[in-house]
């Protein structure tokens, strides 16, 4: 499977050789603690009672969104927050509260309401939830059947550029489920009228052109 980090490192080393590696002191392990969870659901005591129901419905939601949009959102962290009211829950993205709600502690109705609101949050936050790691996973998936397509794409576009294209397509209400087709179209739109490939100045324009070719 393709390792994008190795490819980028190899290209970088051609310009300047890697510096000597210096052992890091133990305090660098603190870097493991500074990243916020991408998607987090915090809940009070009453909601803790049907935590398993929410977890099962969330798995169904992941598959539903994947089938409808092709987007696979990050794993959701569940956190019991004793500072919340018993029937309160909050949805956070990158540590920031994006939704706050209260439910009647009834497993079926409460679970459906929480999952429904989670779905709305996910569909309205592609730009944040589609991380570079997710983009790499898409590339690795395509590489299994078409490595040349992947290599050609990352030769001209950064992960950030690719992310912008995918997010724009999703925000236009189009699906990226046929991800190989999407990347074929990306490559087609990186060719000028003389048949020469180039680095696009505005990746969003590529996304707009691709949207016209997606049902």
N, C-alpha and C. Protein backbone atom coordinates (compact mmCIF):
# COMPACT_ATOMS: atom_id res chain seq x y z
N UNK A 1 0.83 -1.19 0.00
CA UNK A 1 0.00 0.00 0.00
C UNK A 1 0.87 1.25 0.00
N UNK A 2 0.45 2.26 -0.75
CA UNK A 2 1.29 3.45 -0.90
C UNK A 2 1.43 4.19 0.41
N UNK A 3 2.61 4.69 0.66
CA UNK A 3 2.89 5.48 1.87
C UNK A 3 3.21 6.89 1.44
N UNK A 4 2.22 7.77 1.57
CA UNK A 4 2.36 9.13 1.07
C UNK A 4 3.44 9.90 1.81
N UNK A 5 3.59 9.63 3.10
CA UNK A 5 4.59 10.35 3.88
C UNK A 5 5.99 10.04 3.36
N UNK A 6 6.22 8.77 2.99
CA UNK A 6 7.53 8.40 2.44
C UNK A 6 7.79 9.09 1.11
N UNK A 7 6.74 9.22 0.30
CA UNK A 7 6.89 9.88 -1.00
C UNK A 7 7.26 11.34 -0.81
N UNK A 8 6.53 12.04 0.09
CA UNK A 8 6.83 13.45 0.33
C UNK A 8 8.23 13.62 0.92
N UNK A 9 8.62 12.71 1.82
CA UNK A 9 9.94 12.80 2.42
C UNK A 9 11.03 12.59 1.38
N UNK A 10 10.79 11.64 0.45
CA UNK A 10 11.76 11.36 -0.59
C UNK A 10 11.97 12.58 -1.48
N UNK A 11 10.86 13.23 -1.84
CA UNK A 11 10.96 14.43 -2.68
C UNK A 11 11.71 15.54 -1.94
N UNK A 12 11.40 15.70 -0.66
CA UNK A 12 12.04 16.74 0.14
C UNK A 12 13.54 16.49 0.26
N UNK A 13 13.93 15.22 0.43
CA UNK A 13 15.34 14.89 0.63
C UNK A 13 16.18 15.11 -0.62
N UNK A 14 15.52 15.12 -1.78
CA UNK A 14 16.26 15.41 -3.00
C UNK A 14 16.75 16.86 -3.02
N UNK A 15 15.98 17.72 -2.33
CA UNK A 15 16.35 19.13 -2.28
C UNK A 15 17.39 19.37 -1.19
N UNK A 16 17.18 18.80 -0.02
CA UNK A 16 18.14 18.96 1.07
C UNK A 16 18.19 17.67 1.87
N UNK A 17 19.38 17.14 2.17
CA UNK A 17 19.48 15.89 2.89
C UNK A 17 18.91 16.01 4.29
N UNK A 18 18.39 14.91 4.84
CA UNK A 18 17.82 14.95 6.18
C UNK A 18 18.88 15.26 7.22
N UNK A 19 18.49 16.02 8.24
CA UNK A 19 19.42 16.35 9.31
C UNK A 19 19.58 15.15 10.24
N UNK A 20 20.66 15.18 10.99
CA UNK A 20 20.93 14.09 11.93
C UNK A 20 19.83 14.05 12.98
N UNK A 21 19.32 12.86 13.24
CA UNK A 21 18.26 12.70 14.21
C UNK A 21 18.82 12.81 15.62
N UNK A 22 18.21 13.68 16.43
CA UNK A 22 18.65 13.88 17.80
C UNK A 22 17.61 13.28 18.73
N UNK A 23 18.02 12.40 19.64
CA UNK A 23 17.05 11.80 20.57
C UNK A 23 16.29 12.88 21.32
N UNK A 24 14.97 12.69 21.44
CA UNK A 24 14.13 13.67 22.11
C UNK A 24 13.92 13.28 23.57
N UNK A 25 13.87 14.26 24.46
CA UNK A 25 13.61 13.95 25.86
C UNK A 25 12.18 13.46 26.06
N UNK A 26 11.92 12.90 27.23
CA UNK A 26 10.64 12.26 27.48
C UNK A 26 9.45 13.21 27.41
N UNK A 27 9.68 14.52 27.62
CA UNK A 27 8.53 15.42 27.65
C UNK A 27 7.85 15.54 26.29
N UNK A 28 8.50 15.07 25.23
CA UNK A 28 7.86 15.13 23.91
C UNK A 28 6.66 14.19 23.83
N UNK A 29 6.53 13.26 24.76
CA UNK A 29 5.35 12.40 24.77
C UNK A 29 4.10 13.22 25.05
N UNK A 30 4.24 14.44 25.53
CA UNK A 30 3.09 15.29 25.77
C UNK A 30 2.37 15.65 24.47
N UNK A 31 3.07 15.53 23.33
CA UNK A 31 2.41 15.80 22.06
C UNK A 31 1.24 14.86 21.81
N UNK A 32 1.27 13.69 22.46
CA UNK A 32 0.17 12.75 22.31
C UNK A 32 -1.12 13.28 22.93
N UNK A 33 -1.02 14.31 23.75
CA UNK A 33 -2.17 14.79 24.50
C UNK A 33 -2.76 16.09 23.95
N UNK A 34 -2.13 16.69 22.93
CA UNK A 34 -2.58 18.02 22.52
C UNK A 34 -3.62 17.99 21.40
N UNK A 35 -3.79 16.88 20.72
CA UNK A 35 -4.78 16.81 19.65
C UNK A 35 -6.19 16.60 20.21
N UNK A 36 -7.13 17.41 19.74
CA UNK A 36 -8.52 17.22 20.13
C UNK A 36 -9.14 16.10 19.30
N UNK A 37 -10.14 15.43 19.88
CA UNK A 37 -10.89 14.44 19.11
C UNK A 37 -11.63 15.15 17.98
N UNK A 38 -11.61 14.56 16.80
CA UNK A 38 -12.29 15.20 15.67
C UNK A 38 -13.78 15.33 15.93
N UNK A 39 -14.41 14.25 16.36
CA UNK A 39 -15.85 14.25 16.61
C UNK A 39 -16.12 13.60 17.96
N UNK A 40 -16.82 14.30 18.82
CA UNK A 40 -17.03 13.81 20.19
C UNK A 40 -18.46 14.07 20.63
N UNK A 41 -19.05 13.08 21.29
CA UNK A 41 -20.38 13.21 21.89
C UNK A 41 -20.24 13.08 23.39
N UNK A 42 -20.56 14.16 24.11
CA UNK A 42 -20.52 14.14 25.57
C UNK A 42 -21.95 14.12 26.10
N UNK A 43 -22.19 13.38 27.16
CA UNK A 43 -23.55 13.22 27.66
C UNK A 43 -23.59 13.14 29.18
N UNK A 44 -24.78 13.47 29.73
CA UNK A 44 -25.00 13.43 31.17
C UNK A 44 -25.39 12.05 31.66
N UNK A 45 -25.72 11.96 32.95
CA UNK A 45 -25.94 10.67 33.60
C UNK A 45 -27.08 9.87 33.00
N UNK A 46 -28.23 10.51 32.71
CA UNK A 46 -29.38 9.77 32.20
C UNK A 46 -29.11 9.13 30.85
N UNK A 47 -28.38 9.84 30.01
CA UNK A 47 -28.10 9.33 28.66
C UNK A 47 -27.11 8.17 28.72
N UNK A 48 -26.34 8.11 29.79
CA UNK A 48 -25.39 7.01 29.96
C UNK A 48 -26.11 5.66 29.96
N UNK A 49 -27.38 5.64 30.37
CA UNK A 49 -28.13 4.40 30.48
C UNK A 49 -28.35 3.73 29.12
N UNK A 50 -28.44 4.52 28.03
CA UNK A 50 -28.65 3.92 26.71
C UNK A 50 -27.50 4.23 25.76
N UNK A 51 -26.32 4.30 26.32
CA UNK A 51 -25.10 4.53 25.54
C UNK A 51 -24.92 3.49 24.45
N UNK A 52 -25.21 2.21 24.77
CA UNK A 52 -25.04 1.14 23.77
C UNK A 52 -25.98 1.29 22.60
N UNK A 53 -27.21 1.76 22.87
CA UNK A 53 -28.17 1.98 21.78
C UNK A 53 -27.66 3.06 20.82
N UNK A 54 -27.11 4.13 21.39
CA UNK A 54 -26.57 5.21 20.56
C UNK A 54 -25.41 4.70 19.72
N UNK A 55 -24.55 3.89 20.33
CA UNK A 55 -23.38 3.37 19.62
C UNK A 55 -23.81 2.51 18.43
N UNK A 56 -24.83 1.66 18.60
CA UNK A 56 -25.30 0.81 17.51
C UNK A 56 -25.92 1.64 16.39
N UNK A 57 -26.71 2.63 16.75
CA UNK A 57 -27.34 3.48 15.74
C UNK A 57 -26.31 4.32 14.99
N UNK A 58 -25.23 4.67 15.68
CA UNK A 58 -24.18 5.44 15.04
C UNK A 58 -23.49 4.62 13.96
N UNK A 59 -23.32 3.34 14.20
CA UNK A 59 -22.74 2.46 13.18
C UNK A 59 -23.62 2.42 11.94
N UNK A 60 -24.95 2.38 12.16
CA UNK A 60 -25.89 2.42 11.03
C UNK A 60 -25.77 3.75 10.28
N UNK A 61 -25.60 4.83 11.05
CA UNK A 61 -25.49 6.15 10.43
C UNK A 61 -24.24 6.26 9.57
N UNK A 62 -23.12 5.69 10.03
CA UNK A 62 -21.88 5.72 9.26
C UNK A 62 -22.07 5.06 7.91
N UNK A 63 -22.73 3.90 7.90
CA UNK A 63 -22.96 3.20 6.64
C UNK A 63 -23.95 3.97 5.76
N UNK A 64 -24.97 4.55 6.36
CA UNK A 64 -25.96 5.32 5.59
C UNK A 64 -25.31 6.50 4.88
N UNK A 65 -24.52 7.27 5.63
CA UNK A 65 -23.87 8.44 5.04
C UNK A 65 -22.86 8.01 3.98
N UNK A 66 -22.16 6.92 4.23
CA UNK A 66 -21.21 6.42 3.24
C UNK A 66 -21.93 6.04 1.95
N UNK A 67 -23.07 5.35 2.07
CA UNK A 67 -23.81 4.93 0.88
C UNK A 67 -24.38 6.12 0.11
N UNK A 68 -24.78 7.17 0.83
CA UNK A 68 -25.42 8.31 0.19
C UNK A 68 -24.42 9.32 -0.37
N UNK A 69 -23.28 9.49 0.31
CA UNK A 69 -22.35 10.55 -0.08
C UNK A 69 -20.94 10.04 -0.41
N UNK A 70 -20.61 8.83 0.03
CA UNK A 70 -19.25 8.34 -0.14
C UNK A 70 -18.30 8.82 0.93
N UNK A 71 -18.81 9.65 1.85
CA UNK A 71 -17.97 10.20 2.92
C UNK A 71 -17.99 9.28 4.13
N UNK A 72 -16.80 8.95 4.63
CA UNK A 72 -16.69 8.13 5.83
C UNK A 72 -16.16 9.04 6.94
N UNK A 73 -17.05 9.42 7.85
CA UNK A 73 -16.64 10.38 8.87
C UNK A 73 -15.83 9.70 9.98
N UNK A 74 -15.02 10.48 10.68
CA UNK A 74 -14.14 9.91 11.70
C UNK A 74 -14.91 9.20 12.81
N UNK A 75 -14.24 8.30 13.49
CA UNK A 75 -14.84 7.63 14.62
C UNK A 75 -15.26 8.66 15.67
N UNK A 76 -16.39 8.41 16.30
CA UNK A 76 -16.93 9.34 17.29
C UNK A 76 -16.57 8.87 18.69
N UNK A 77 -16.01 9.78 19.46
CA UNK A 77 -15.67 9.44 20.84
C UNK A 77 -16.86 9.73 21.75
N UNK A 78 -17.21 8.79 22.61
CA UNK A 78 -18.27 8.97 23.58
C UNK A 78 -17.63 9.31 24.93
N UNK A 79 -18.14 10.36 25.57
CA UNK A 79 -17.56 10.79 26.83
C UNK A 79 -18.65 11.15 27.82
N UNK A 80 -18.63 10.48 28.98
CA UNK A 80 -19.56 10.81 30.06
C UNK A 80 -19.04 12.05 30.78
N UNK A 81 -19.81 13.13 30.70
CA UNK A 81 -19.41 14.40 31.30
C UNK A 81 -20.30 14.68 32.50
N UNK A 82 -19.74 14.55 33.68
CA UNK A 82 -20.51 14.72 34.91
C UNK A 82 -20.87 16.17 35.18
N UNK A 83 -20.27 17.10 34.43
CA UNK A 83 -20.60 18.52 34.58
C UNK A 83 -21.89 18.89 33.84
N UNK A 84 -22.35 18.00 32.95
CA UNK A 84 -23.59 18.26 32.21
C UNK A 84 -24.80 17.86 33.06
N UNK A 85 -25.95 18.44 32.72
CA UNK A 85 -27.18 18.01 33.37
C UNK A 85 -27.49 16.57 32.96
N UNK A 86 -28.31 15.89 33.78
CA UNK A 86 -28.54 14.46 33.57
C UNK A 86 -29.01 14.12 32.16
N UNK A 87 -29.87 14.95 31.58
CA UNK A 87 -30.43 14.64 30.26
C UNK A 87 -29.83 15.50 29.15
N UNK A 88 -28.67 16.07 29.40
CA UNK A 88 -28.03 16.98 28.44
C UNK A 88 -26.94 16.26 27.65
N UNK A 89 -26.76 16.68 26.40
CA UNK A 89 -25.65 16.18 25.61
C UNK A 89 -25.11 17.29 24.72
N UNK A 90 -23.84 17.19 24.37
CA UNK A 90 -23.23 18.17 23.47
C UNK A 90 -22.44 17.42 22.41
N UNK A 91 -22.40 17.98 21.22
CA UNK A 91 -21.61 17.44 20.12
C UNK A 91 -20.46 18.41 19.88
N UNK A 92 -19.25 17.89 19.85
CA UNK A 92 -18.06 18.72 19.66
C UNK A 92 -17.29 18.29 18.43
N UNK A 93 -16.74 19.26 17.73
CA UNK A 93 -15.82 19.01 16.62
C UNK A 93 -14.52 19.72 16.94
N UNK A 94 -13.44 18.99 16.96
CA UNK A 94 -12.14 19.53 17.31
C UNK A 94 -12.17 20.29 18.64
N UNK A 95 -12.92 19.75 19.60
CA UNK A 95 -12.98 20.35 20.92
C UNK A 95 -13.94 21.50 21.07
N UNK A 96 -14.58 21.93 19.99
CA UNK A 96 -15.50 23.06 20.03
C UNK A 96 -16.94 22.57 19.98
N UNK A 97 -17.76 23.06 20.91
CA UNK A 97 -19.16 22.66 20.94
C UNK A 97 -19.91 23.25 19.74
N UNK A 98 -20.52 22.36 18.95
CA UNK A 98 -21.27 22.81 17.77
C UNK A 98 -22.76 22.55 17.92
N UNK A 99 -23.13 21.78 18.95
CA UNK A 99 -24.55 21.54 19.21
C UNK A 99 -24.73 21.15 20.66
N UNK A 100 -25.82 21.62 21.25
CA UNK A 100 -26.16 21.28 22.63
C UNK A 100 -27.65 20.98 22.70
N UNK A 101 -28.01 19.86 23.33
CA UNK A 101 -29.40 19.49 23.39
C UNK A 101 -29.77 18.76 24.67
N UNK A 102 -31.09 18.59 24.85
CA UNK A 102 -31.63 17.87 26.01
C UNK A 102 -32.65 16.87 25.51
N UNK A 103 -32.71 15.72 26.13
CA UNK A 103 -33.65 14.68 25.71
C UNK A 103 -34.39 14.14 26.92
N UNK A 104 -35.60 13.64 26.65
CA UNK A 104 -36.32 12.89 27.68
C UNK A 104 -35.66 11.52 27.75
N UNK A 105 -35.27 11.08 28.94
CA UNK A 105 -34.49 9.82 29.04
C UNK A 105 -35.29 8.57 28.68
N UNK A 106 -35.64 8.49 27.41
CA UNK A 106 -36.30 7.31 26.85
C UNK A 106 -35.40 6.80 25.74
N UNK A 107 -34.97 5.57 25.85
CA UNK A 107 -33.91 5.06 24.95
C UNK A 107 -34.22 5.23 23.48
N UNK A 108 -35.39 4.81 23.03
CA UNK A 108 -35.68 4.83 21.60
C UNK A 108 -35.78 6.25 21.07
N UNK A 109 -36.65 7.07 21.68
CA UNK A 109 -36.86 8.43 21.18
C UNK A 109 -35.61 9.28 21.33
N UNK A 110 -34.95 9.17 22.48
CA UNK A 110 -33.75 9.96 22.73
C UNK A 110 -32.64 9.58 21.77
N UNK A 111 -32.46 8.29 21.55
CA UNK A 111 -31.42 7.83 20.63
C UNK A 111 -31.66 8.36 19.23
N UNK A 112 -32.90 8.28 18.76
CA UNK A 112 -33.22 8.76 17.41
C UNK A 112 -32.96 10.26 17.28
N UNK A 113 -33.29 11.03 18.33
CA UNK A 113 -33.07 12.47 18.28
C UNK A 113 -31.58 12.80 18.24
N UNK A 114 -30.80 12.12 19.08
CA UNK A 114 -29.36 12.37 19.12
C UNK A 114 -28.72 12.02 17.78
N UNK A 115 -29.08 10.86 17.22
CA UNK A 115 -28.50 10.43 15.94
C UNK A 115 -28.92 11.37 14.82
N UNK A 116 -30.16 11.84 14.86
CA UNK A 116 -30.64 12.77 13.84
C UNK A 116 -29.83 14.06 13.86
N UNK A 117 -29.55 14.57 15.06
CA UNK A 117 -28.78 15.80 15.17
C UNK A 117 -27.32 15.58 14.81
N UNK A 118 -26.78 14.41 15.15
CA UNK A 118 -25.43 14.08 14.74
C UNK A 118 -25.32 14.08 13.21
N UNK A 119 -26.31 13.51 12.55
CA UNK A 119 -26.30 13.46 11.09
C UNK A 119 -26.27 14.87 10.49
N UNK A 120 -27.09 15.77 11.04
CA UNK A 120 -27.11 17.15 10.54
C UNK A 120 -25.75 17.81 10.71
N UNK A 121 -25.14 17.60 11.88
CA UNK A 121 -23.84 18.20 12.14
C UNK A 121 -22.79 17.69 11.17
N UNK A 122 -22.81 16.38 10.92
CA UNK A 122 -21.82 15.76 10.02
C UNK A 122 -21.98 16.30 8.60
N UNK A 123 -23.22 16.35 8.11
CA UNK A 123 -23.46 16.78 6.74
C UNK A 123 -23.19 18.27 6.52
N UNK A 124 -23.12 19.03 7.61
CA UNK A 124 -22.84 20.46 7.50
C UNK A 124 -21.41 20.83 7.85
N UNK A 125 -20.57 19.83 8.09
CA UNK A 125 -19.19 20.12 8.50
C UNK A 125 -18.17 19.24 7.77
N UNK A 126 -18.40 19.03 6.47
CA UNK A 126 -17.45 18.24 5.69
C UNK A 126 -16.05 18.86 5.73
N UNK A 127 -15.99 20.20 5.72
CA UNK A 127 -14.69 20.87 5.62
C UNK A 127 -13.81 20.58 6.83
N UNK A 128 -14.42 20.34 7.99
CA UNK A 128 -13.65 20.04 9.20
C UNK A 128 -13.47 18.54 9.41
N UNK A 129 -14.51 17.77 9.14
CA UNK A 129 -14.48 16.34 9.41
C UNK A 129 -13.69 15.55 8.38
N UNK A 130 -13.55 16.10 7.17
CA UNK A 130 -12.73 15.43 6.16
C UNK A 130 -11.27 15.82 6.41
N UNK A 131 -10.57 14.99 7.14
CA UNK A 131 -9.19 15.29 7.52
C UNK A 131 -8.21 14.81 6.45
N UNK A 132 -6.96 15.24 6.57
CA UNK A 132 -5.92 14.77 5.64
C UNK A 132 -5.72 13.27 5.76
N UNK A 133 -5.89 12.73 6.97
CA UNK A 133 -5.77 11.27 7.14
C UNK A 133 -6.85 10.55 6.34
N UNK A 134 -8.06 11.11 6.31
CA UNK A 134 -9.13 10.51 5.53
C UNK A 134 -8.81 10.57 4.04
N UNK A 135 -8.26 11.70 3.59
CA UNK A 135 -7.85 11.84 2.18
C UNK A 135 -6.81 10.77 1.85
N UNK A 136 -5.86 10.54 2.74
CA UNK A 136 -4.86 9.50 2.52
C UNK A 136 -5.51 8.13 2.40
N UNK A 137 -6.54 7.88 3.20
CA UNK A 137 -7.23 6.59 3.13
C UNK A 137 -7.91 6.40 1.77
N UNK A 138 -8.48 7.48 1.24
CA UNK A 138 -9.07 7.41 -0.10
C UNK A 138 -7.98 7.08 -1.13
N UNK A 139 -6.85 7.76 -1.01
CA UNK A 139 -5.75 7.52 -1.95
C UNK A 139 -5.26 6.08 -1.85
N UNK A 140 -5.13 5.57 -0.64
CA UNK A 140 -4.68 4.19 -0.47
C UNK A 140 -5.67 3.20 -1.07
N UNK A 141 -6.95 3.51 -0.96
CA UNK A 141 -7.99 2.65 -1.54
C UNK A 141 -7.86 2.61 -3.07
N UNK A 142 -7.66 3.77 -3.67
CA UNK A 142 -7.54 3.84 -5.13
C UNK A 142 -6.25 3.17 -5.58
N UNK A 143 -5.20 3.32 -4.79
CA UNK A 143 -3.88 2.79 -5.16
C UNK A 143 -3.90 1.28 -5.34
N UNK A 144 -4.80 0.60 -4.65
CA UNK A 144 -4.88 -0.86 -4.77
C UNK A 144 -5.15 -1.29 -6.21
N UNK A 145 -5.94 -0.51 -6.94
CA UNK A 145 -6.29 -0.89 -8.30
C UNK A 145 -5.67 0.01 -9.36
N UNK A 146 -5.28 1.23 -8.97
CA UNK A 146 -4.76 2.17 -9.96
C UNK A 146 -3.65 3.04 -9.36
N UNK A 147 -2.49 2.46 -9.08
CA UNK A 147 -1.40 3.22 -8.45
C UNK A 147 -0.93 4.40 -9.29
N UNK A 148 -0.96 4.26 -10.62
CA UNK A 148 -0.49 5.36 -11.47
C UNK A 148 -1.38 6.59 -11.30
N UNK A 149 -2.67 6.37 -11.14
CA UNK A 149 -3.61 7.49 -10.96
C UNK A 149 -3.28 8.25 -9.68
N UNK A 150 -2.98 7.52 -8.63
CA UNK A 150 -2.64 8.15 -7.36
C UNK A 150 -1.33 8.92 -7.46
N UNK A 151 -0.32 8.28 -8.01
CA UNK A 151 1.00 8.93 -8.13
C UNK A 151 0.92 10.20 -8.96
N UNK A 152 0.15 10.17 -10.02
CA UNK A 152 0.02 11.34 -10.88
C UNK A 152 -0.71 12.47 -10.16
N UNK A 153 -1.70 12.10 -9.34
CA UNK A 153 -2.47 13.11 -8.61
C UNK A 153 -1.61 13.83 -7.59
N UNK A 154 -0.89 13.07 -6.76
CA UNK A 154 -0.10 13.69 -5.70
C UNK A 154 1.16 14.36 -6.24
N UNK A 155 1.44 14.11 -7.50
CA UNK A 155 2.57 14.81 -8.14
C UNK A 155 2.24 16.28 -8.35
N UNK A 156 0.96 16.56 -8.58
CA UNK A 156 0.55 17.92 -8.90
C UNK A 156 -0.29 18.59 -7.81
N UNK A 157 -0.90 17.79 -6.95
CA UNK A 157 -1.78 18.35 -5.93
C UNK A 157 -1.34 17.93 -4.53
N UNK A 158 -1.46 18.83 -3.58
CA UNK A 158 -1.19 18.50 -2.18
C UNK A 158 -2.44 17.85 -1.58
N UNK A 159 -2.28 17.26 -0.40
CA UNK A 159 -3.44 16.69 0.29
C UNK A 159 -4.48 17.78 0.55
N UNK A 160 -4.01 18.99 0.85
CA UNK A 160 -4.93 20.10 1.09
C UNK A 160 -5.74 20.45 -0.15
N UNK A 161 -5.09 20.42 -1.32
CA UNK A 161 -5.80 20.68 -2.57
C UNK A 161 -6.87 19.62 -2.83
N UNK A 162 -6.49 18.37 -2.63
CA UNK A 162 -7.43 17.27 -2.85
C UNK A 162 -8.61 17.37 -1.90
N UNK A 163 -8.31 17.73 -0.65
CA UNK A 163 -9.38 17.89 0.34
C UNK A 163 -10.36 18.98 -0.10
N UNK A 164 -9.85 20.10 -0.60
CA UNK A 164 -10.72 21.19 -1.04
C UNK A 164 -11.65 20.73 -2.15
N UNK A 165 -11.12 19.93 -3.06
CA UNK A 165 -11.92 19.42 -4.18
C UNK A 165 -13.03 18.51 -3.66
N UNK A 166 -12.66 17.57 -2.79
CA UNK A 166 -13.66 16.62 -2.28
C UNK A 166 -14.71 17.32 -1.44
N UNK A 167 -14.30 18.27 -0.61
CA UNK A 167 -15.26 19.00 0.23
C UNK A 167 -16.22 19.80 -0.63
N UNK A 168 -15.72 20.44 -1.68
CA UNK A 168 -16.57 21.23 -2.55
C UNK A 168 -17.60 20.34 -3.25
N UNK A 169 -17.18 19.17 -3.68
CA UNK A 169 -18.11 18.24 -4.33
C UNK A 169 -19.20 17.81 -3.35
N UNK A 170 -18.80 17.48 -2.13
CA UNK A 170 -19.76 17.08 -1.10
C UNK A 170 -20.72 18.22 -0.76
N UNK A 171 -20.19 19.43 -0.65
CA UNK A 171 -21.04 20.58 -0.31
C UNK A 171 -22.03 20.90 -1.42
N UNK A 172 -21.73 20.48 -2.64
CA UNK A 172 -22.65 20.67 -3.76
C UNK A 172 -23.73 19.59 -3.79
N UNK A 173 -23.71 18.71 -2.79
CA UNK A 173 -24.72 17.66 -2.71
C UNK A 173 -24.44 16.47 -3.60
N UNK A 174 -23.20 16.36 -4.08
CA UNK A 174 -22.81 15.24 -4.93
C UNK A 174 -22.09 14.18 -4.11
N UNK A 175 -22.08 12.96 -4.63
CA UNK A 175 -21.44 11.85 -3.93
C UNK A 175 -20.01 11.64 -4.43
N UNK A 176 -19.14 11.25 -3.51
CA UNK A 176 -17.77 10.88 -3.89
C UNK A 176 -17.57 9.37 -3.71
N UNK A 177 -18.69 8.63 -3.67
CA UNK A 177 -18.59 7.19 -3.44
C UNK A 177 -17.78 6.51 -4.54
N UNK A 178 -17.99 6.93 -5.79
CA UNK A 178 -17.19 6.39 -6.89
C UNK A 178 -15.88 7.17 -6.92
N UNK A 179 -15.05 6.94 -5.90
CA UNK A 179 -13.89 7.78 -5.67
C UNK A 179 -12.85 7.67 -6.79
N UNK A 180 -12.72 6.50 -7.39
CA UNK A 180 -11.78 6.35 -8.49
C UNK A 180 -12.18 7.23 -9.68
N UNK A 181 -13.47 7.26 -9.98
CA UNK A 181 -13.98 8.12 -11.05
C UNK A 181 -13.70 9.58 -10.74
N UNK A 182 -13.88 9.97 -9.47
CA UNK A 182 -13.62 11.35 -9.07
C UNK A 182 -12.17 11.72 -9.37
N UNK A 183 -11.25 10.81 -9.03
CA UNK A 183 -9.83 11.11 -9.24
C UNK A 183 -9.47 11.08 -10.72
N UNK A 184 -10.14 10.27 -11.50
CA UNK A 184 -9.92 10.29 -12.94
C UNK A 184 -10.31 11.66 -13.50
N UNK A 185 -11.42 12.19 -13.03
CA UNK A 185 -11.88 13.51 -13.48
C UNK A 185 -10.95 14.61 -13.00
N UNK A 186 -10.41 14.45 -11.79
CA UNK A 186 -9.45 15.43 -11.28
C UNK A 186 -8.25 15.50 -12.23
N UNK A 187 -7.76 14.33 -12.62
CA UNK A 187 -6.60 14.29 -13.52
C UNK A 187 -6.93 14.86 -14.89
N UNK A 188 -8.12 14.59 -15.39
CA UNK A 188 -8.52 15.13 -16.69
C UNK A 188 -8.53 16.66 -16.67
N UNK A 189 -8.91 17.22 -15.53
CA UNK A 189 -9.01 18.67 -15.43
C UNK A 189 -7.70 19.33 -15.04
N UNK A 190 -6.64 18.53 -14.95
CA UNK A 190 -5.30 19.09 -14.74
C UNK A 190 -4.52 19.12 -16.05
N UNK A 191 -5.21 18.96 -17.17
CA UNK A 191 -4.57 18.98 -18.49
C UNK A 191 -5.05 20.21 -19.25
N UNK A 192 -4.11 20.99 -19.80
CA UNK A 192 -4.49 22.19 -20.54
C UNK A 192 -4.85 21.84 -21.98
N UNK A 193 -5.12 22.86 -22.76
CA UNK A 193 -5.57 22.63 -24.13
C UNK A 193 -4.50 22.00 -25.01
N UNK A 194 -3.26 22.08 -24.61
CA UNK A 194 -2.16 21.48 -25.37
C UNK A 194 -1.86 20.06 -24.91
N UNK A 195 -2.67 19.56 -23.98
CA UNK A 195 -2.47 18.20 -23.49
C UNK A 195 -1.37 18.07 -22.46
N UNK A 196 -0.94 19.20 -21.90
CA UNK A 196 0.13 19.19 -20.91
C UNK A 196 -0.46 19.35 -19.52
N UNK A 197 -0.01 18.51 -18.57
CA UNK A 197 -0.51 18.62 -17.21
C UNK A 197 0.14 19.78 -16.49
N UNK A 198 -0.59 20.36 -15.56
CA UNK A 198 -0.10 21.52 -14.84
C UNK A 198 -0.67 21.52 -13.43
N UNK A 199 -0.12 22.36 -12.58
CA UNK A 199 -0.62 22.49 -11.22
C UNK A 199 -1.73 23.54 -11.21
N UNK A 200 -2.96 23.16 -10.91
CA UNK A 200 -4.07 24.12 -10.94
C UNK A 200 -3.91 25.20 -9.87
N UNK A 201 -4.28 26.43 -10.22
CA UNK A 201 -4.20 27.53 -9.27
C UNK A 201 -5.38 27.53 -8.30
N UNK A 202 -6.51 27.03 -8.73
CA UNK A 202 -7.71 27.03 -7.89
C UNK A 202 -8.38 25.65 -7.94
N UNK A 203 -8.11 24.80 -6.97
CA UNK A 203 -8.70 23.44 -6.97
C UNK A 203 -10.22 23.45 -6.97
N UNK A 204 -10.82 24.50 -6.39
CA UNK A 204 -12.29 24.55 -6.33
C UNK A 204 -12.89 24.59 -7.73
N UNK A 205 -12.19 25.22 -8.68
CA UNK A 205 -12.69 25.25 -10.06
C UNK A 205 -12.74 23.84 -10.65
N UNK A 206 -11.78 23.00 -10.27
CA UNK A 206 -11.80 21.60 -10.71
C UNK A 206 -13.04 20.91 -10.16
N UNK A 207 -13.31 21.16 -8.87
CA UNK A 207 -14.49 20.54 -8.25
C UNK A 207 -15.77 20.95 -8.96
N UNK A 208 -15.88 22.24 -9.32
CA UNK A 208 -17.09 22.72 -10.00
C UNK A 208 -17.29 22.05 -11.35
N UNK A 209 -16.17 21.82 -12.05
CA UNK A 209 -16.27 21.11 -13.35
C UNK A 209 -16.68 19.65 -13.16
N UNK A 210 -16.13 19.02 -12.12
CA UNK A 210 -16.43 17.61 -11.86
C UNK A 210 -17.90 17.43 -11.49
N UNK A 211 -18.46 18.39 -10.76
CA UNK A 211 -19.86 18.29 -10.30
C UNK A 211 -20.83 18.13 -11.46
N UNK A 212 -20.50 18.73 -12.59
CA UNK A 212 -21.37 18.63 -13.76
C UNK A 212 -21.40 17.21 -14.34
N UNK A 213 -20.41 16.40 -13.98
CA UNK A 213 -20.32 15.03 -14.50
C UNK A 213 -20.82 13.98 -13.51
N UNK A 214 -21.32 14.44 -12.36
CA UNK A 214 -21.80 13.51 -11.34
C UNK A 214 -23.30 13.64 -11.21
N UNK A 215 -23.97 12.53 -11.18
CA UNK A 215 -25.43 12.53 -11.04
C UNK A 215 -25.81 12.95 -9.63
